[in-house]
Amino acid sequence: QVQLVESGGGFVQAGGSLRLSCAASGNIFSINTMGWYRQAPGKQRELIATITSRGVTNYADSAEGRFTISRDNAKNTVYLQMNSLKPEDTAVYYCNAVIRSVGGSREVWGQGTSVTVSS
């Protein structure tokens, strides 16, 4: 069974930084695009950033210039470095990946990690 496990969330003051990690485990053949999403209270889940297996990145406007997505293919892990955090970044952050395993490729979600930014 393939799963994603996030870590690194927590409480931080505005202007601070956090680094989120997401590790994939299980019977993995390959991982295509990996990404980070977030969902704030009362809002829909939104895309923050994605990264392909070759390292091509894409950012939402809200993350551009402050957040950096990266991945370690050897560790099946994706990271999100978040700098200059704002109270509006408060949300549950979810990792997402398209993983090829036994039975084919499918989209997998992590359980989420909470980030709270105080003003």
Protein backbone atom coordinates (compact mmCIF):
# COMPACT_ATOMS: atom_id res chain seq x y z
CA GLN A 1 0.00 0.00 0.00
CA VAL A 2 1.35 3.40 -1.03
CA GLN A 3 1.05 6.34 1.32
CA LEU A 4 2.26 9.91 1.79
CA VAL A 5 3.18 11.23 5.23
CA GLU A 6 3.66 14.96 5.82
CA SER A 7 5.61 16.57 8.63
CA GLY A 8 6.97 19.96 9.60
CA GLY A 9 3.84 21.94 10.32
CA GLY A 10 3.36 24.01 13.44
CA PHE A 11 2.99 27.49 14.86
CA VAL A 12 5.08 30.41 13.65
CA GLN A 13 4.94 34.18 13.87
CA ALA A 14 4.36 36.31 10.81
CA GLY A 15 7.58 36.74 8.89
CA GLY A 16 8.90 33.38 10.03
CA SER A 17 9.71 30.23 8.10
CA LEU A 18 8.72 26.59 8.08
CA ARG A 19 9.84 23.61 6.03
CA LEU A 20 7.33 20.91 5.24
CA SER A 21 8.32 17.41 4.21
CA CYS A 22 6.32 14.65 2.59
CA ALA A 23 7.66 11.14 2.21
CA ALA A 24 6.14 8.46 0.03
CA SER A 25 6.37 4.85 1.09
CA GLY A 26 5.17 1.48 -0.07
CA ASN A 27 5.64 -0.59 -3.19
CA ILE A 28 6.58 2.33 -5.47
CA PHE A 29 7.73 1.90 -9.04
CA SER A 30 8.01 5.61 -9.85
CA ILE A 31 6.62 9.00 -8.83
CA ASN A 32 5.56 11.55 -11.41
CA THR A 33 4.43 15.00 -10.34
CA MET A 34 4.41 15.85 -6.63
CA GLY A 35 2.73 18.87 -5.16
CA TRP A 36 1.53 20.81 -2.18
CA TYR A 37 -1.99 22.08 -1.63
CA ARG A 38 -3.59 23.84 1.28
CA GLN A 39 -7.04 24.32 2.71
CA ALA A 40 -7.86 27.18 5.02
CA PRO A 41 -10.92 27.06 7.31
CA GLY A 42 -14.07 27.65 5.29
CA LYS A 43 -12.23 27.69 1.98
CA GLN A 44 -11.64 25.25 -0.84
CA ARG A 45 -8.40 23.36 -1.20
CA GLU A 46 -5.98 25.26 -3.43
CA LEU A 47 -2.80 24.45 -5.28
CA ILE A 48 0.41 25.91 -3.88
CA ALA A 49 3.16 24.35 -5.96
CA THR A 50 4.04 21.32 -8.04
CA ILE A 51 7.27 19.72 -9.20
CA THR A 52 7.77 17.12 -11.90
CA SER A 53 10.12 14.18 -11.68
CA ARG A 54 12.61 16.21 -13.70
CA GLY A 55 12.39 19.17 -11.35
CA VAL A 56 10.17 21.51 -13.33
CA THR A 57 8.26 23.64 -10.85
CA ASN A 58 5.02 25.59 -10.92
CA TYR A 59 3.75 28.00 -8.26
CA ALA A 60 0.50 29.66 -7.38
CA ASP A 61 0.66 33.44 -7.33
CA SER A 62 0.28 33.40 -3.54
CA ALA A 63 3.43 31.29 -3.17
CA GLU A 64 5.63 32.80 -5.87
CA GLY A 65 8.75 34.37 -4.41
CA ARG A 66 8.12 33.15 -0.84
CA PHE A 67 7.78 29.37 -1.13
CA THR A 68 10.16 26.89 -2.75
CA ILE A 69 9.24 23.35 -3.69
CA SER A 70 11.93 20.71 -4.11
CA ARG A 71 12.22 16.96 -4.13
CA ASP A 72 14.69 14.18 -3.43
CA ASN A 73 13.87 11.37 -5.84
CA ALA A 74 16.17 8.94 -4.06
CA LYS A 75 14.15 9.43 -0.88
CA ASN A 76 10.74 9.72 -2.57
CA THR A 77 10.32 12.96 -0.66
CA VAL A 78 9.04 16.41 -1.56
CA TYR A 79 9.67 19.56 0.46
CA LEU A 80 8.08 22.96 0.75
CA GLN A 81 10.24 25.74 2.16
CA MET A 82 7.99 28.57 3.27
CA ASN A 83 9.50 31.97 4.05
CA SER A 84 8.00 35.34 4.97
CA LEU A 85 4.90 33.62 6.25
CA LYS A 86 1.71 35.62 6.62
CA PRO A 87 -1.40 35.00 8.75
CA GLU A 88 -3.30 34.22 5.55
CA ASP A 89 -0.97 31.24 5.00
CA THR A 90 -2.68 29.55 7.95
CA ALA A 91 -4.15 26.30 6.64
CA VAL A 92 -3.82 22.55 6.56
CA TYR A 93 -1.19 21.68 3.98
CA TYR A 94 -1.57 18.51 1.95
CA CYS A 95 0.96 16.62 -0.10
CA ASN A 96 -0.12 15.06 -3.39
CA ALA A 97 1.65 12.74 -5.81
CA VAL A 98 0.96 10.62 -8.87
CA ILE A 99 2.53 7.29 -8.01
CA ARG A 100 3.01 4.23 -10.19
CA SER A 101 2.72 1.08 -8.17
CA VAL A 102 1.25 -2.38 -8.45
CA GLY A 103 -1.91 -2.03 -10.48
CA GLY A 104 -0.91 1.15 -12.28
CA SER A 105 -0.69 4.89 -11.57
CA ARG A 106 -2.93 6.73 -9.18
CA GLU A 107 -3.14 9.99 -7.33
CA VAL A 108 -2.31 9.79 -3.63
CA TRP A 109 -2.96 12.35 -0.87
CA GLY A 110 -1.32 12.73 2.50
CA GLN A 111 -3.23 13.26 5.72
CA GLY A 112 -2.26 16.92 6.01
CA THR A 113 -0.15 18.96 8.37
CA SER A 114 -1.40 22.10 10.08
CA VAL A 115 0.34 25.46 9.74
CA THR A 116 -0.69 28.41 11.91
CA VAL A 117 0.83 31.85 11.39
CA SER A 118 0.15 34.40 14.11
CA SER A 119 0.18 38.13 13.50
